[in-house]
Amino acid sequence: MFLALFLLLVPLVNEKYDKLTRLARALKEDRASFVLVGTGTTLTFLLAYVMSIALNYSMLNIAKFYNLNFGLDTGWLQEPSE
C-alpha cells in the first residue's frame, strides 16, 4: 500500500509544488519503475501466501477445538458422525 502511495504521490508533488524533482525524474526511468513494480508485486504475493497459510492454520485449530471434520468430498464444514 505504501509503495503504491509513494509511486502516485511523488509525481503529483513534483508537478504541483516543484519538490522531489530528482526522485520524480528517477521514477520516470523504465528501469526504476520496473524494479519498484516488480518488488511490490513480489511482496504482495508473498504476503498473500503467508496470510493464507496463517488463516488456514487458525481455521484448522478452531475445527479441532470444536471437534469438527472438514469433508474432503464436499468442501464444507461437517459435524462429526458417531
C-alpha atoms as a PDB file:
ATOM      1  CA  MET A   1       0.000   0.000   0.000  1.00  0.00           C
ATOM      2  CA  PHE A   2       2.777   2.406   0.878  1.00  0.00           C
ATOM      3  CA  LEU A   3       4.657   1.580  -2.317  1.00  0.00           C
ATOM      4  CA  ALA A   4       1.599   2.381  -4.427  1.00  0.00           C
ATOM      5  CA  LEU A   5       1.016   5.576  -2.479  1.00  0.00           C
ATOM      6  CA  PHE A   6       4.662   6.528  -2.962  1.00  0.00           C
ATOM      7  CA  LEU A   7       4.507   5.867  -6.706  1.00  0.00           C
ATOM      8  CA  LEU A   8       1.374   8.002  -7.013  1.00  0.00           C
ATOM      9  CA  LEU A   9       2.328  10.929  -4.788  1.00  0.00           C
ATOM     10  CA  VAL A  10       5.877  11.633  -5.951  1.00  0.00           C
ATOM     11  CA  PRO A  11       4.870  12.786  -9.482  1.00  0.00           C
ATOM     12  CA  LEU A  12       1.916  14.680  -8.029  1.00  0.00           C
ATOM     13  CA  VAL A  13       4.112  16.592  -5.564  1.00  0.00           C
ATOM     14  CA  ASN A  14       6.617  17.245  -8.329  1.00  0.00           C
ATOM     15  CA  GLU A  15       4.024  18.783 -10.654  1.00  0.00           C
ATOM     16  CA  LYS A  16       2.149  20.755  -8.032  1.00  0.00           C
ATOM     17  CA  TYR A  17       4.904  22.051  -5.719  1.00  0.00           C
ATOM     18  CA  ASP A  18       8.122  21.528  -7.743  1.00  0.00           C
ATOM     19  CA  LYS A  19       9.550  19.373  -4.973  1.00  0.00           C
ATOM     20  CA  LEU A  20      11.164  15.929  -5.224  1.00  0.00           C
ATOM     21  CA  THR A  21      12.315  16.626  -8.780  1.00  0.00           C
ATOM     22  CA  ARG A  22      15.254  14.200  -8.713  1.00  0.00           C
ATOM     23  CA  LEU A  23      13.108  11.414  -7.336  1.00  0.00           C
ATOM     24  CA  ALA A  24      10.360  12.079  -9.884  1.00  0.00           C
ATOM     25  CA  ARG A  25      12.905  12.094 -12.693  1.00  0.00           C
ATOM     26  CA  ALA A  26      14.337   8.807 -11.453  1.00  0.00           C
ATOM     27  CA  LEU A  27      10.859   7.274 -11.309  1.00  0.00           C
ATOM     28  CA  LYS A  28      10.292   8.204 -14.951  1.00  0.00           C
ATOM     29  CA  GLU A  29      13.063   5.804 -15.909  1.00  0.00           C
ATOM     30  CA  ASP A  30      11.767   2.456 -17.086  1.00  0.00           C
ATOM     31  CA  ARG A  31      14.343   0.561 -15.022  1.00  0.00           C
ATOM     32  CA  ALA A  32      13.300   2.133 -11.742  1.00  0.00           C
ATOM     33  CA  SER A  33       9.593   1.683 -12.321  1.00  0.00           C
ATOM     34  CA  PHE A  34      10.150  -1.923 -13.418  1.00  0.00           C
ATOM     35  CA  VAL A  35      12.131  -2.696 -10.255  1.00  0.00           C
ATOM     36  CA  LEU A  36       9.634  -0.964  -7.955  1.00  0.00           C
ATOM     37  CA  VAL A  37       6.576  -2.570  -9.539  1.00  0.00           C
ATOM     38  CA  GLY A  38       8.287  -5.985  -9.514  1.00  0.00           C
ATOM     39  CA  THR A  39       9.221  -5.571  -5.865  1.00  0.00           C
ATOM     40  CA  GLY A  40       5.690  -4.511  -4.949  1.00  0.00           C
ATOM     41  CA  THR A  41       4.161  -7.435  -6.825  1.00  0.00           C
ATOM     42  CA  THR A  42       6.541  -9.919  -5.220  1.00  0.00           C
ATOM     43  CA  LEU A  43       5.881  -8.591  -1.731  1.00  0.00           C
ATOM     44  CA  THR A  44       2.128  -8.628  -2.325  1.00  0.00           C
ATOM     45  CA  PHE A  45       2.168 -12.261  -3.472  1.00  0.00           C
ATOM     46  CA  LEU A  46       4.411 -13.256  -0.567  1.00  0.00           C
ATOM     47  CA  LEU A  47       2.117 -11.546   1.934  1.00  0.00           C
ATOM     48  CA  ALA A  48      -0.964 -13.176   0.407  1.00  0.00           C
ATOM     49  CA  TYR A  49       0.711 -16.603   0.582  1.00  0.00           C
ATOM     50  CA  VAL A  50       1.738 -16.166   4.221  1.00  0.00           C
ATOM     51  CA  MET A  51      -1.693 -14.889   5.232  1.00  0.00           C
ATOM     52  CA  SER A  52      -3.479 -17.760   3.504  1.00  0.00           C
ATOM     53  CA  ILE A  53      -1.309 -20.263   5.382  1.00  0.00           C
ATOM     54  CA  ALA A  54      -1.852 -18.467   8.691  1.00  0.00           C
ATOM     55  CA  LEU A  55      -5.623 -18.256   8.236  1.00  0.00           C
ATOM     56  CA  ASN A  56      -5.876 -21.882   7.148  1.00  0.00           C
ATOM     57  CA  TYR A  57      -3.865 -22.985  10.192  1.00  0.00           C
ATOM     58  CA  SER A  58      -6.068 -20.983  12.568  1.00  0.00           C
ATOM     59  CA  MET A  59      -9.256 -22.390  10.996  1.00  0.00           C
ATOM     60  CA  LEU A  60      -7.950 -25.930  11.432  1.00  0.00           C
ATOM     61  CA  ASN A  61      -7.220 -25.219  15.094  1.00  0.00           C
ATOM     62  CA  ILE A  62     -10.785 -23.952  15.558  1.00  0.00           C
ATOM     63  CA  ALA A  63     -12.122 -27.094  13.915  1.00  0.00           C
ATOM     64  CA  LYS A  64     -10.001 -29.267  16.212  1.00  0.00           C
ATOM     65  CA  PHE A  65     -11.199 -27.340  19.259  1.00  0.00           C
ATOM     66  CA  TYR A  66     -14.853 -27.829  18.374  1.00  0.00           C
ATOM     67  CA  ASN A  67     -14.180 -31.406  17.161  1.00  0.00           C
ATOM     68  CA  LEU A  68     -15.434 -30.710  13.646  1.00  0.00           C
ATOM     69  CA  ASN A  69     -14.451 -32.517  10.445  1.00  0.00           C
ATOM     70  CA  PHE A  70     -13.752 -30.939   7.107  1.00  0.00           C
ATOM     71  CA  GLY A  71     -15.374 -33.049   4.406  1.00  0.00           C
ATOM     72  CA  LEU A  72     -12.963 -33.521   1.536  1.00  0.00           C
ATOM     73  CA  ASP A  73     -15.673 -34.552  -0.893  1.00  0.00           C
ATOM     74  CA  THR A  74     -17.969 -31.568  -0.352  1.00  0.00           C
ATOM     75  CA  GLY A  75     -15.559 -28.942   0.922  1.00  0.00           C
ATOM     76  CA  TRP A  76     -17.958 -27.871   3.651  1.00  0.00           C
ATOM     77  CA  LEU A  77     -17.567 -27.998   7.382  1.00  0.00           C
ATOM     78  CA  GLN A  78     -19.454 -31.049   8.685  1.00  0.00           C
ATOM     79  CA  GLU A  79     -20.453 -32.302  12.091  1.00  0.00           C
ATOM     80  CA  PRO A  80     -18.600 -35.461  13.139  1.00  0.00           C
ATOM     81  CA  SER A  81     -20.538 -38.674  12.657  1.00  0.00           C
ATOM     82  CA  GLU A  82     -20.567 -41.117  15.531  1.00  0.00           C
END
